[in-house]
Amino acid sequence: HRIRGDINVLLLGDPGVAKSQVLKYAEKTAPRAVYSTGKGASAVGLTASVHKDPVTREWTLEGGALVLADRGLCLIDEFDKMNEQDRTSIHEAMEQQTISISKAGIVTSLQARCAVIAAANPIGGRYDSSLTLAENVELTDPILQRFDILCVLQDRVDPVEDERLAKFVTGSHMRSTPTNELSRPKEEPANPAETPDTPPDPTRAADGTLPQELLRKYILYARTHIHPKLSTTSFDQNKLTSLYTSLRRESATSGGVPIAVRHIESILRMSEAHARLHLREYVREDDVDAAIDMMLQSFLGAQKFSVRKSLRKKFEKFLVRKEDGGHLLLHLLQDLFRNESLYQNIRRRRKKGKKDAAMGSKDKEDEDAIVLEVPLDEFEARAKESKVYNVLEFCQSREFVDAGYELDQRKGVIRRN
């Protein structure tokens, strides 16, 4: 029995939240992608069709969008506009990733190993937070259960975000105008001394994001060469079991999206995807925590606004906040420096030996100026024992600097005066 490895995503939201732009960007970024719309797609166009060849007069088989997108992405816009019969035809492709054909004497099974990203609009055009996700969209439970992630996108009024979005749109139009100064290349300074000391990073854009072409190559490399493995020691199975039983109980009482066994497989799939994104060969505890967080955010977003806050408190114990890892790392670092300070004091006492009081006081003044250092490898090993892995990210945080620590990556040590 083969388990599906691709992740299906449903984007449900108000008009004007760039759902179609996300699909178009995914189409340009994915190594292989097929784009279609709900009104322009039928069951035959998505799966496969059988027709008679006009020359040989024989029945031939032609694959649809899901077959052509094998080992890639199938993007479906206006998913809610499809007929119910057409949506039913892709049930097998979204779960077993195969398409069975039995027409005109042709009995076969085609491969459709692709991830499905669908975009849909709510009933009436606007998402109603007083209703559940299932009540906001005309989709049946079998099709909703086949989506691993349900993203609810709402057009909320936010003056800061509205101003930033307006500046981005106007700036994009201004840069696309050939006669505008923003579209012209910047002139190099005549004086070489005016150039910055550090050369610009060609792998990053001006705002720090990855270029689309580099992101495309990165995704292709990760999908081709990285295959993370799950082991019994990589995550807490009791935590996953408790989460599943709690989700089943709350979904039965509060409504929303029904939780099934598929959602356990969804968490494992997202854990492997998170590890593959970081080019790791094995799934770690933080990968599973990230998948659980994504699953809970998807489940809570599909609930009514009136019960969302109470449900979030119930599932608070399953969420791992970044602040918790920062506090733990700070405690481990303080413990390491405490041990280092104790070691330096013992060493100083042994070194002092039988020296006279005058020489001893002078040595004490010199030795008090010693800067304590802890190897970065030792700190990472201690953090790994506590299943915390974002050590370098913590060393660049404000909490690390405010505590009086300093990272020297060249020597691989952490200092404290």
Protein backbone atom coordinates (compact mmCIF):
# COMPACT_ATOMS: atom_id res chain seq x y z
CA HIS A 1 0.00 0.00 0.00
CA ARG A 2 1.40 3.38 -1.04
CA ILE A 3 0.74 6.46 1.12
CA ARG A 4 0.29 9.82 -0.55
CA GLY A 5 3.27 12.12 -0.12
CA ASP A 6 2.01 15.34 -1.70
CA ILE A 7 0.16 18.03 0.25
CA ASN A 8 -3.18 19.40 -0.92
CA VAL A 9 -4.10 22.99 -0.01
CA LEU A 10 -7.40 24.87 -0.22
CA LEU A 11 -7.40 28.68 -0.27
CA LEU A 12 -10.81 30.04 0.74
CA GLY A 13 -11.26 33.76 1.11
CA ASP A 14 -12.80 37.04 0.15
CA PRO A 15 -12.36 38.55 -3.32
CA GLY A 16 -9.27 40.69 -3.72
CA VAL A 17 -6.92 38.81 -1.36
CA ALA A 18 -4.66 37.65 -4.24
CA LYS A 19 -5.66 33.97 -4.31
CA SER A 20 -5.20 33.79 -8.07
CA GLN A 21 -1.86 35.61 -7.80
CA VAL A 22 -0.65 32.96 -5.36
CA LEU A 23 -1.63 30.23 -7.83
CA LYS A 24 0.10 32.02 -10.69
CA TYR A 25 3.27 32.48 -8.64
CA ALA A 26 3.21 28.78 -7.70
CA GLU A 27 2.79 27.91 -11.39
CA LYS A 28 5.90 29.93 -12.32
CA THR A 29 7.91 28.59 -9.39
CA ALA A 30 7.12 24.86 -9.51
CA PRO A 31 9.26 22.73 -11.86
CA ARG A 32 6.10 21.23 -13.34
CA ALA A 33 2.65 22.78 -12.98
CA VAL A 34 -0.71 22.71 -14.77
CA TYR A 35 -3.16 25.58 -14.26
CA SER A 36 -6.91 25.34 -14.83
CA THR A 37 -10.11 27.04 -13.70
CA GLY A 38 -13.30 25.60 -12.28
CA LYS A 39 -15.56 26.78 -15.08
CA GLY A 40 -13.13 25.76 -17.80
CA ALA A 41 -12.44 22.30 -16.36
CA SER A 42 -14.57 19.19 -16.52
CA ALA A 43 -14.21 15.68 -15.16
CA VAL A 44 -12.73 14.48 -18.46
CA GLY A 45 -10.38 17.46 -18.71
CA LEU A 46 -9.02 16.85 -15.21
CA THR A 47 -8.70 13.05 -15.35
CA ALA A 48 -8.52 11.39 -18.79
CA SER A 49 -10.50 11.06 -21.99
CA VAL A 50 -10.97 8.34 -24.61
CA HIS A 51 -11.60 9.25 -28.23
CA LYS A 52 -11.27 7.63 -31.65
CA ASP A 53 -8.23 8.51 -33.72
CA PRO A 54 -9.36 9.92 -37.08
CA VAL A 55 -6.54 8.22 -38.98
CA THR A 56 -6.21 4.76 -37.47
CA ARG A 57 -9.83 4.58 -36.31
CA GLU A 58 -8.65 3.16 -32.98
CA TRP A 59 -9.55 4.28 -29.49
CA THR A 60 -6.82 6.35 -27.88
CA LEU A 61 -6.34 7.60 -24.33
CA GLU A 62 -5.39 11.17 -23.47
CA GLY A 63 -4.48 12.32 -19.99
CA GLY A 64 -6.04 15.34 -18.33
CA ALA A 65 -4.61 18.05 -16.10
CA LEU A 66 -3.96 15.76 -13.11
CA VAL A 67 -2.13 13.24 -15.28
CA LEU A 68 -0.05 15.90 -17.01
CA ALA A 69 0.90 17.34 -13.61
CA ASP A 70 2.39 14.04 -12.42
CA ARG A 71 5.22 14.74 -9.91
CA GLY A 72 4.28 18.41 -9.96
CA LEU A 73 1.47 20.82 -9.09
CA CYS A 74 -2.12 20.99 -10.28
CA LEU A 75 -3.59 24.44 -9.67
CA ILE A 76 -7.38 24.87 -9.82
CA ASP A 77 -8.84 28.35 -9.57
CA GLU A 78 -12.54 29.02 -8.91
CA PHE A 79 -12.83 25.56 -7.34
CA ASP A 80 -16.32 26.30 -6.02
CA LYS A 81 -17.63 26.94 -9.55
CA MET A 82 -17.06 23.32 -10.62
CA ASN A 83 -19.97 20.94 -10.94
CA GLU A 84 -20.38 18.40 -8.16
CA GLN A 85 -19.93 15.50 -10.61
CA ASP A 86 -16.63 16.97 -11.79
CA ARG A 87 -15.36 17.38 -8.22
CA THR A 88 -16.34 13.79 -7.41
CA SER A 89 -14.19 12.52 -10.26
CA ILE A 90 -10.98 13.80 -8.64
CA HIS A 91 -11.56 12.10 -5.26
CA GLU A 92 -9.41 9.14 -6.27
CA ALA A 93 -6.67 11.35 -7.69
CA MET A 94 -6.44 13.46 -4.52
CA GLU A 95 -6.06 10.46 -2.19
CA GLN A 96 -4.72 7.40 -4.06
CA GLN A 97 -3.04 9.60 -6.70
CA THR A 98 -4.22 7.32 -9.49
CA ILE A 99 -6.94 7.62 -12.13
CA SER A 100 -8.74 4.42 -13.11
CA ILE A 101 -10.11 4.24 -16.65
CA SER A 102 -12.59 1.70 -17.98
CA LYS A 103 -13.94 3.02 -21.28
CA ALA A 104 -14.25 1.65 -24.81
CA GLY A 105 -12.44 -1.57 -23.95
CA ILE A 106 -9.54 0.31 -22.31
CA VAL A 107 -9.04 -0.71 -18.68
CA THR A 108 -5.99 0.89 -17.08
CA SER A 109 -4.77 3.08 -14.24
CA LEU A 110 -2.86 6.33 -14.76
CA GLN A 111 -0.48 7.97 -12.30
CA ALA A 112 -1.49 11.37 -10.88
CA ARG A 113 1.19 11.94 -8.20
CA CYS A 114 0.67 15.67 -7.87
CA ALA A 115 -0.21 18.18 -5.18
CA VAL A 116 -3.48 20.06 -5.64
CA ILE A 117 -3.74 23.74 -4.72
CA ALA A 118 -7.29 25.01 -5.14
CA ALA A 119 -8.75 28.48 -4.64
CA ALA A 120 -12.44 29.06 -3.89
CA ASN A 121 -14.76 31.91 -2.96
CA PRO A 122 -17.29 31.69 -0.09
CA ILE A 123 -21.03 31.60 -0.57
CA GLY A 124 -22.25 35.11 -1.31
CA GLY A 125 -18.73 36.39 -2.03
CA ARG A 126 -17.69 37.27 1.56
CA TYR A 127 -16.54 34.95 4.34
CA ASP A 128 -18.88 34.97 7.35
CA SER A 129 -16.94 34.43 10.60
CA SER A 130 -20.11 33.53 12.48
CA LEU A 131 -20.34 30.33 10.41
CA THR A 132 -17.97 27.39 10.06
CA LEU A 133 -15.87 26.82 6.97
CA ALA A 134 -18.13 23.98 5.79
CA GLU A 135 -21.11 26.37 5.96
CA ASN A 136 -19.24 29.09 4.07
CA VAL A 137 -18.46 27.04 0.97
CA GLU A 138 -20.43 24.62 -1.16
CA LEU A 139 -18.03 21.70 -0.80
CA THR A 140 -18.87 18.28 0.63
CA ASP A 141 -17.06 16.68 3.56
CA PRO A 142 -15.29 14.01 1.42
CA ILE A 143 -13.56 16.66 -0.67
CA LEU A 144 -12.74 18.86 2.34
CA GLN A 145 -11.12 15.94 4.17
CA ARG A 146 -8.75 15.39 1.27
CA PHE A 147 -7.17 18.81 1.77
CA ASP A 148 -4.31 18.77 4.28
CA ILE A 149 -4.35 22.54 4.86
CA LEU A 150 -7.37 24.84 4.82
CA CYS A 151 -6.38 28.51 4.56
CA VAL A 152 -9.06 31.09 5.32
CA LEU A 153 -8.12 34.50 3.88
CA GLN A 154 -10.21 37.43 5.08
CA ASP A 155 -10.05 41.01 3.85
CA ARG A 156 -9.80 42.85 7.17
CA VAL A 157 -9.47 46.63 7.47
CA ASP A 158 -5.96 47.45 8.70
CA PRO A 159 -4.67 51.00 8.04
CA VAL A 160 -1.00 49.96 8.26
CA GLU A 161 -1.36 47.00 5.92
CA ASP A 162 -3.61 48.96 3.56
CA GLU A 163 -1.02 51.72 3.29
CA ARG A 164 1.80 49.23 2.69
CA LEU A 165 -0.21 47.40 0.03
CA ALA A 166 -1.14 50.66 -1.73
CA LYS A 167 2.52 51.73 -1.83
CA PHE A 168 3.52 48.33 -3.21
CA VAL A 169 0.91 48.43 -6.00
CA THR A 170 1.69 52.00 -7.03
CA GLY A 171 5.43 51.31 -6.89
CA SER A 172 5.01 48.21 -9.02
CA HIS A 173 3.15 50.18 -11.68
CA MET A 174 5.71 52.97 -11.59
CA ARG A 175 8.60 50.53 -12.03
CA SER A 176 6.88 48.93 -15.00
CA THR A 177 6.76 52.29 -16.83
CA PRO A 178 9.81 52.53 -19.16
CA THR A 179 10.06 56.33 -18.86
CA ASN A 180 10.12 56.29 -15.05
CA GLU A 181 13.32 56.86 -13.12
CA LEU A 182 12.67 53.82 -10.91
CA SER A 183 12.90 51.51 -13.93
CA ARG A 184 16.30 52.83 -15.00
CA PRO A 185 19.42 51.06 -13.74
CA LYS A 186 21.30 52.87 -11.00
CA GLU A 187 24.53 54.55 -12.05
CA GLU A 188 27.72 53.30 -10.42
CA PRO A 189 29.56 55.84 -8.25
CA ALA A 190 32.56 57.47 -9.90
CA ASN A 191 34.64 57.24 -6.74
CA PRO A 192 35.47 53.59 -5.84
CA ALA A 193 35.75 54.58 -2.18
CA GLU A 194 32.01 55.27 -2.14
CA THR A 195 31.17 51.63 -2.83
CA PRO A 196 30.25 49.52 0.18
CA ASP A 197 32.87 47.26 1.69
CA THR A 198 30.70 44.14 1.53
CA PRO A 199 29.63 43.08 -1.97
CA PRO A 200 25.90 42.50 -2.51
CA ASP A 201 24.63 38.96 -2.19
CA PRO A 202 23.57 37.77 -5.66
CA THR A 203 21.30 35.11 -4.16
CA ARG A 204 19.05 37.64 -2.42
CA ALA A 205 16.94 40.53 -3.60
CA ALA A 206 17.11 44.05 -2.18
CA ASP A 207 14.45 43.27 0.45
CA GLY A 208 16.15 40.04 1.57
CA THR A 209 13.87 37.60 -0.28
CA LEU A 210 15.08 34.82 -2.58
CA PRO A 211 14.75 35.38 -6.33
CA GLN A 212 12.13 33.24 -7.99
CA GLU A 213 14.62 31.41 -10.21
CA LEU A 214 16.79 30.45 -7.22
CA LEU A 215 13.71 29.34 -5.28
CA ARG A 216 12.70 27.17 -8.23
CA LYS A 217 16.10 25.46 -8.27
CA TYR A 218 16.06 25.02 -4.49
CA ILE A 219 12.65 23.32 -4.57
CA LEU A 220 13.71 21.07 -7.44
CA TYR A 221 16.89 20.03 -5.61
CA ALA A 222 15.01 19.34 -2.36
CA ARG A 223 12.32 17.26 -4.07
CA THR A 224 14.87 15.27 -6.06
CA HIS A 225 17.66 14.55 -3.58
CA ILE A 226 16.22 14.95 -0.06
CA HIS A 227 14.05 12.16 1.36
CA PRO A 228 13.62 12.61 5.14
CA LYS A 229 12.98 9.52 7.25
CA LEU A 230 10.68 9.17 10.25
CA SER A 231 11.88 7.19 13.25
CA THR A 232 10.29 6.28 16.58
CA THR A 233 12.72 8.55 18.42
CA SER A 234 12.19 11.60 16.22
CA PHE A 235 8.90 12.67 17.80
CA ASP A 236 6.56 11.96 20.70
CA GLN A 237 3.93 9.50 19.50
CA ASN A 238 1.81 10.01 22.62
CA LYS A 239 1.58 13.72 21.83
CA LEU A 240 0.31 12.97 18.33
CA THR A 241 -2.20 10.44 19.67
CA SER A 242 -3.51 12.87 22.27
CA LEU A 243 -3.80 15.61 19.63
CA TYR A 244 -5.80 13.38 17.31
CA THR A 245 -8.26 12.30 20.00
CA SER A 246 -8.73 15.91 21.12
CA LEU A 247 -9.32 17.08 17.54
CA ARG A 248 -11.87 14.31 16.97
CA ARG A 249 -13.74 15.21 20.15
CA GLU A 250 -13.83 18.95 19.51
CA SER A 251 -14.75 18.59 15.83
CA ALA A 252 -17.75 16.45 16.78
CA THR A 253 -19.04 19.06 19.25
CA SER A 254 -18.10 22.38 17.64
CA GLY A 255 -18.63 21.47 13.99
CA GLY A 256 -16.26 22.87 11.40
CA VAL A 257 -14.24 20.38 9.37
CA PRO A 258 -14.63 16.71 10.37
CA ILE A 259 -11.33 15.16 11.51
CA ALA A 260 -10.41 11.72 10.14
CA VAL A 261 -7.40 9.41 10.06
CA ARG A 262 -6.22 11.29 6.98
CA HIS A 263 -5.25 14.20 9.20
CA ILE A 264 -2.69 12.08 11.07
CA GLU A 265 -1.07 11.32 7.73
CA SER A 266 -1.28 15.04 6.93
CA ILE A 267 0.79 15.88 10.03
CA LEU A 268 3.42 13.31 9.06
CA ARG A 269 3.50 14.61 5.49
CA MET A 270 3.96 18.20 6.64
CA SER A 271 6.69 17.08 9.06
CA GLU A 272 8.62 15.47 6.22
CA ALA A 273 8.06 18.54 4.05
CA HIS A 274 9.40 20.83 6.79
CA ALA A 275 12.50 18.65 7.13
CA ARG A 276 12.95 18.57 3.35
CA LEU A 277 12.71 22.35 3.24
CA HIS A 278 15.73 22.51 5.59
CA LEU A 279 17.58 19.79 3.60
CA ARG A 280 17.61 17.33 6.50
CA GLU A 281 17.78 13.55 6.15
CA TYR A 282 15.76 12.86 9.31
CA VAL A 283 12.60 14.36 10.78
CA ARG A 284 13.22 16.14 14.09
CA GLU A 285 10.95 17.16 16.94
CA ASP A 286 10.70 20.76 15.73
CA ASP A 287 9.51 19.52 12.31
CA VAL A 288 6.62 17.69 13.97
CA ASP A 289 5.87 20.73 16.16
CA ALA A 290 5.71 22.94 13.06
CA ALA A 291 3.32 20.47 11.38
CA ILE A 292 1.11 20.31 14.48
CA ASP A 293 1.03 24.10 14.65
CA MET A 294 0.00 24.29 11.00
CA MET A 295 -2.70 21.66 11.46
CA LEU A 296 -4.12 23.46 14.52
CA GLN A 297 -4.10 26.82 12.75
CA SER A 298 -5.99 25.20 9.86
CA PHE A 299 -8.51 23.59 12.25
CA LEU A 300 -9.05 26.74 14.32
CA GLY A 301 -9.43 28.92 11.23
CA ALA A 302 -12.30 26.72 10.07
CA GLN A 303 -14.28 27.27 13.29
CA LYS A 304 -16.82 29.92 14.21
CA PHE A 305 -15.42 33.09 15.67
CA SER A 306 -17.46 32.57 18.85
CA VAL A 307 -15.74 29.27 19.76
CA ARG A 308 -12.33 29.92 18.22
CA LYS A 309 -10.85 31.57 21.30
CA SER A 310 -11.98 28.84 23.70
CA LEU A 311 -10.67 26.12 21.38
CA ARG A 312 -7.32 27.89 21.11
CA LYS A 313 -6.96 27.74 24.91
CA LYS A 314 -7.74 24.02 24.91
CA PHE A 315 -5.05 23.28 22.31
CA GLU A 316 -2.50 25.68 23.82
CA LYS A 317 -0.54 22.77 25.30
CA PHE A 318 0.17 21.35 21.83
CA LEU A 319 1.61 24.61 20.48
CA VAL A 320 5.31 25.33 20.89
CA ARG A 321 6.02 29.04 20.86
CA LYS A 322 9.35 30.45 19.80
CA GLU A 323 9.60 32.30 23.11
CA ASP A 324 9.59 28.99 25.00
CA GLY A 325 12.66 27.79 23.10
CA GLY A 326 14.38 31.13 23.70
CA HIS A 327 13.85 30.94 27.46
CA LEU A 328 15.15 27.37 27.52
CA LEU A 329 18.25 28.26 25.51
CA LEU A 330 18.95 31.23 27.75
CA HIS A 331 18.72 28.97 30.82
CA LEU A 332 21.09 26.42 29.23
CA LEU A 333 23.55 29.17 28.32
CA GLN A 334 23.50 30.57 31.85
CA ASP A 335 24.15 27.09 33.21
CA LEU A 336 27.14 26.63 30.87
CA PHE A 337 28.65 29.96 31.88
CA ARG A 338 28.07 29.16 35.54
CA ASN A 339 30.05 25.94 35.13
CA GLU A 340 32.75 27.79 33.19
CA SER A 341 33.03 30.43 35.91
CA LEU A 342 33.33 27.71 38.57
CA TYR A 343 36.04 25.99 36.56
CA GLN A 344 37.99 29.25 36.17
CA ASN A 345 37.76 29.94 39.92
CA ILE A 346 39.11 26.48 40.81
CA ARG A 347 41.88 26.88 38.27
CA ARG A 348 42.78 30.29 39.69
CA ARG A 349 42.99 28.95 43.25
CA ARG A 350 45.29 26.13 42.22
CA LYS A 351 47.48 28.49 40.22
CA LYS A 352 47.82 30.93 43.09
CA GLY A 353 49.37 28.24 45.29
CA LYS A 354 51.77 29.57 47.90
CA LYS A 355 52.27 33.05 46.47
CA ASP A 356 52.36 35.93 48.91
CA ALA A 357 49.38 38.20 49.50
CA ALA A 358 50.71 41.05 47.41
CA MET A 359 51.30 38.95 44.32
CA GLY A 360 48.00 37.20 44.87
CA SER A 361 46.04 40.46 44.93
CA LYS A 362 47.78 41.61 41.77
CA ASP A 363 46.98 38.35 40.01
CA LYS A 364 43.41 38.66 41.15
CA GLU A 365 43.10 42.04 39.52
CA ASP A 366 44.45 40.64 36.26
CA GLU A 367 42.37 37.48 36.36
CA ASP A 368 39.11 39.32 37.12
CA ALA A 369 39.41 40.86 33.66
CA ILE A 370 39.26 37.44 32.00
CA VAL A 371 36.37 37.11 29.54
CA LEU A 372 34.41 33.89 29.95
CA GLU A 373 33.99 31.82 26.76
CA VAL A 374 31.83 28.81 25.96
CA PRO A 375 32.30 26.78 22.73
CA LEU A 376 29.39 27.06 20.35
CA ASP A 377 29.49 23.31 19.64
CA GLU A 378 29.00 22.53 23.32
CA PHE A 379 26.02 24.90 23.48
CA GLU A 380 24.46 23.30 20.37
CA ALA A 381 24.97 19.82 21.85
CA ARG A 382 23.23 20.82 25.09
CA ALA A 383 20.38 22.40 23.14
CA LYS A 384 20.04 19.29 20.97
CA GLU A 385 19.63 17.16 24.11
CA SER A 386 16.62 19.35 24.99
CA LYS A 387 15.34 19.02 21.37
CA VAL A 388 15.92 22.68 20.54
CA TYR A 389 17.74 23.30 17.27
CA ASN A 390 17.45 27.01 16.40
CA VAL A 391 20.66 28.00 18.22
CA LEU A 392 22.05 30.39 15.62
CA GLU A 393 18.69 32.12 15.32
CA PHE A 394 18.66 32.59 19.10
CA CYS A 395 22.22 33.98 19.03
CA GLN A 396 21.01 36.73 16.69
CA SER A 397 18.00 37.64 18.81
CA ARG A 398 17.65 40.70 21.00
CA GLU A 399 17.18 38.53 24.09
CA PHE A 400 20.67 37.08 23.57
CA VAL A 401 22.29 40.52 23.24
CA ASP A 402 20.40 42.04 26.19
CA ALA A 403 21.67 39.24 28.43
CA GLY A 404 25.26 40.41 27.79
CA TYR A 405 26.37 37.64 25.43
CA GLU A 406 28.35 37.97 22.21
CA LEU A 407 28.78 35.39 19.42
CA ASP A 408 32.12 35.03 17.62
CA GLN A 409 31.39 32.79 14.64
CA ARG A 410 34.97 32.94 13.39
CA LYS A 411 36.31 31.31 16.56
CA GLY A 412 33.09 29.42 17.30
CA VAL A 413 32.68 30.70 20.88
CA ILE A 414 30.16 32.69 22.93
CA ARG A 415 31.57 35.36 25.22
CA ARG A 416 30.29 37.19 28.29
CA ASN A 417 32.15 39.98 30.04
